[in-house]
Amino acid sequence: MKNKIKELRLDHGITQQELADKVSVSSRTIISLEKQQYNPSVLLAYRISLVFSLQIEEVFIFEEEDL
């Protein structure tokens, strides 16, 4: 699964730490997400999408090979 977290975060002018604080995770988790090294739980994906006022599907891209 791919995501647009880094792009969205930069567009909104917030740091990795600020995003981490908003969604109650460590900055390392945000770093791992941005590097596509970690797939979030549904709850974390939901929290991240709320920060950017988007649907989960607009932040996280599910590909056929992910199924």
N, C-alpha and C. Protein backbone atom coordinates (compact mmCIF):
# COMPACT_ATOMS: atom_id res chain seq x y z
N MET A 1 0.85 -1.17 0.00
CA MET A 1 0.00 0.00 0.00
C MET A 1 0.89 1.24 0.00
N LYS A 2 0.56 2.16 -0.87
CA LYS A 2 1.30 3.41 -0.94
C LYS A 2 0.48 4.50 -0.25
N ASN A 3 1.14 5.62 0.03
CA ASN A 3 0.42 6.72 0.66
C ASN A 3 0.98 8.06 0.20
N LYS A 4 0.22 9.11 0.48
CA LYS A 4 0.59 10.48 0.11
C LYS A 4 0.90 11.32 1.35
N ILE A 5 1.29 10.67 2.43
CA ILE A 5 1.47 11.38 3.70
C ILE A 5 2.51 12.49 3.60
N LYS A 6 3.68 12.19 3.05
CA LYS A 6 4.73 13.21 2.99
C LYS A 6 4.28 14.40 2.15
N GLU A 7 3.70 14.13 1.00
CA GLU A 7 3.21 15.20 0.12
C GLU A 7 2.16 16.05 0.83
N LEU A 8 1.22 15.41 1.48
CA LEU A 8 0.16 16.14 2.19
C LEU A 8 0.73 16.93 3.37
N ARG A 9 1.63 16.31 4.10
CA ARG A 9 2.24 16.97 5.26
C ARG A 9 2.97 18.23 4.83
N LEU A 10 3.76 18.13 3.76
CA LEU A 10 4.51 19.29 3.27
C LEU A 10 3.56 20.36 2.74
N ASP A 11 2.50 19.94 2.04
CA ASP A 11 1.51 20.90 1.53
C ASP A 11 0.84 21.67 2.67
N HIS A 12 0.67 21.00 3.82
CA HIS A 12 0.01 21.63 4.97
C HIS A 12 1.01 22.34 5.90
N GLY A 13 2.29 22.24 5.57
CA GLY A 13 3.31 22.95 6.34
C GLY A 13 3.50 22.44 7.76
N ILE A 14 3.35 21.13 7.96
CA ILE A 14 3.57 20.59 9.30
C ILE A 14 4.74 19.60 9.30
N THR A 15 5.41 19.53 10.42
CA THR A 15 6.56 18.64 10.54
C THR A 15 6.10 17.22 10.83
N GLN A 16 7.05 16.29 10.71
CA GLN A 16 6.75 14.90 11.05
C GLN A 16 6.33 14.81 12.52
N GLN A 17 7.00 15.54 13.39
CA GLN A 17 6.66 15.50 14.81
C GLN A 17 5.28 16.06 15.07
N GLU A 18 4.93 17.14 14.40
CA GLU A 18 3.60 17.72 14.58
C GLU A 18 2.51 16.74 14.15
N LEU A 19 2.72 16.09 13.01
CA LEU A 19 1.74 15.09 12.57
C LEU A 19 1.67 13.93 13.55
N ALA A 20 2.83 13.48 14.01
CA ALA A 20 2.87 12.39 14.99
C ALA A 20 2.08 12.76 16.24
N ASP A 21 2.26 13.98 16.73
CA ASP A 21 1.54 14.43 17.92
C ASP A 21 0.04 14.46 17.68
N LYS A 22 -0.37 14.89 16.49
CA LYS A 22 -1.81 14.99 16.18
C LYS A 22 -2.49 13.63 16.13
N VAL A 23 -1.73 12.59 15.76
CA VAL A 23 -2.34 11.26 15.62
C VAL A 23 -1.87 10.28 16.70
N SER A 24 -1.16 10.81 17.70
CA SER A 24 -0.74 10.04 18.88
C SER A 24 0.18 8.86 18.57
N VAL A 25 1.19 9.12 17.74
CA VAL A 25 2.23 8.12 17.47
C VAL A 25 3.59 8.82 17.56
N SER A 26 4.65 8.05 17.43
CA SER A 26 5.99 8.63 17.45
C SER A 26 6.35 9.17 16.07
N SER A 27 7.33 10.05 16.04
CA SER A 27 7.78 10.57 14.75
C SER A 27 8.39 9.45 13.91
N ARG A 28 8.94 8.44 14.56
CA ARG A 28 9.50 7.29 13.83
C ARG A 28 8.42 6.57 13.03
N THR A 29 7.22 6.50 13.58
CA THR A 29 6.11 5.88 12.86
C THR A 29 5.79 6.67 11.60
N ILE A 30 5.76 7.99 11.72
CA ILE A 30 5.49 8.84 10.56
C ILE A 30 6.59 8.67 9.52
N ILE A 31 7.83 8.63 9.95
CA ILE A 31 8.96 8.42 9.04
C ILE A 31 8.80 7.10 8.30
N SER A 32 8.47 6.04 9.02
CA SER A 32 8.29 4.73 8.40
C SER A 32 7.13 4.74 7.40
N LEU A 33 6.06 5.42 7.75
CA LEU A 33 4.93 5.53 6.83
C LEU A 33 5.33 6.27 5.56
N GLU A 34 6.05 7.36 5.71
CA GLU A 34 6.45 8.16 4.56
C GLU A 34 7.41 7.40 3.65
N LYS A 35 8.19 6.51 4.22
CA LYS A 35 9.13 5.70 3.42
C LYS A 35 8.48 4.44 2.87
N GLN A 36 7.16 4.32 3.08
CA GLN A 36 6.40 3.16 2.60
C GLN A 36 6.90 1.85 3.24
N GLN A 37 7.44 1.94 4.46
CA GLN A 37 7.99 0.77 5.15
C GLN A 37 7.01 0.19 6.17
N TYR A 38 5.86 0.82 6.34
CA TYR A 38 4.92 0.43 7.38
C TYR A 38 3.51 0.70 6.91
N ASN A 39 2.63 -0.26 7.10
CA ASN A 39 1.21 -0.07 6.82
C ASN A 39 0.50 0.19 8.14
N PRO A 40 -0.26 1.27 8.21
CA PRO A 40 -0.90 1.64 9.47
C PRO A 40 -2.12 0.78 9.78
N SER A 41 -2.51 0.80 11.03
CA SER A 41 -3.78 0.20 11.41
C SER A 41 -4.90 1.04 10.80
N VAL A 42 -6.08 0.49 10.78
CA VAL A 42 -7.22 1.24 10.26
C VAL A 42 -7.44 2.51 11.08
N LEU A 43 -7.30 2.40 12.39
CA LEU A 43 -7.49 3.56 13.27
C LEU A 43 -6.48 4.66 12.96
N LEU A 44 -5.22 4.29 12.79
CA LEU A 44 -4.20 5.29 12.48
C LEU A 44 -4.45 5.91 11.10
N ALA A 45 -4.81 5.10 10.13
CA ALA A 45 -5.12 5.62 8.80
C ALA A 45 -6.27 6.62 8.88
N TYR A 46 -7.27 6.29 9.69
CA TYR A 46 -8.43 7.18 9.87
C TYR A 46 -7.99 8.50 10.51
N ARG A 47 -7.17 8.42 11.55
CA ARG A 47 -6.70 9.64 12.23
C ARG A 47 -5.90 10.53 11.28
N ILE A 48 -5.03 9.91 10.49
CA ILE A 48 -4.23 10.68 9.54
C ILE A 48 -5.13 11.35 8.51
N SER A 49 -6.10 10.62 8.00
CA SER A 49 -7.01 11.21 7.01
C SER A 49 -7.80 12.38 7.60
N LEU A 50 -8.16 12.29 8.88
CA LEU A 50 -8.87 13.40 9.54
C LEU A 50 -8.01 14.65 9.62
N VAL A 51 -6.72 14.48 9.90
CA VAL A 51 -5.82 15.63 9.99
C VAL A 51 -5.85 16.43 8.69
N PHE A 52 -5.90 15.71 7.56
CA PHE A 52 -5.88 16.37 6.26
C PHE A 52 -7.27 16.61 5.69
N SER A 53 -8.31 16.27 6.46
CA SER A 53 -9.71 16.43 6.02
C SER A 53 -9.98 15.73 4.70
N LEU A 54 -9.47 14.50 4.59
CA LEU A 54 -9.63 13.69 3.39
C LEU A 54 -10.21 12.32 3.74
N GLN A 55 -10.68 11.63 2.72
CA GLN A 55 -11.09 10.24 2.88
C GLN A 55 -9.83 9.38 2.96
N ILE A 56 -9.92 8.26 3.64
CA ILE A 56 -8.77 7.35 3.75
C ILE A 56 -8.22 7.02 2.36
N GLU A 57 -9.10 6.78 1.41
CA GLU A 57 -8.69 6.40 0.06
C GLU A 57 -7.93 7.51 -0.67
N GLU A 58 -8.06 8.73 -0.20
CA GLU A 58 -7.33 9.84 -0.80
C GLU A 58 -5.91 9.96 -0.25
N VAL A 59 -5.66 9.34 0.89
CA VAL A 59 -4.34 9.36 1.52
C VAL A 59 -3.58 8.07 1.23
N PHE A 60 -4.29 6.96 1.27
CA PHE A 60 -3.68 5.64 1.10
C PHE A 60 -4.16 5.01 -0.19
N ILE A 61 -3.22 4.52 -0.99
CA ILE A 61 -3.53 3.96 -2.30
C ILE A 61 -3.37 2.45 -2.23
N PHE A 62 -4.50 1.76 -2.36
CA PHE A 62 -4.49 0.31 -2.36
C PHE A 62 -4.31 -0.17 -3.79
N GLU A 63 -3.36 -1.06 -3.99
CA GLU A 63 -3.10 -1.60 -5.31
C GLU A 63 -3.52 -3.05 -5.35
N GLU A 64 -3.78 -3.55 -6.53
CA GLU A 64 -4.25 -4.92 -6.72
C GLU A 64 -3.33 -5.93 -6.02
N GLU A 65 -2.04 -5.68 -6.07
CA GLU A 65 -1.08 -6.62 -5.46
C GLU A 65 -1.15 -6.61 -3.92
N ASP A 66 -1.82 -5.61 -3.34
CA ASP A 66 -1.96 -5.54 -1.89
C ASP A 66 -3.02 -6.51 -1.37
N LEU A 67 -3.87 -7.00 -2.26
CA LEU A 67 -4.98 -7.86 -1.85
C LEU A 67 -4.53 -9.28 -1.59
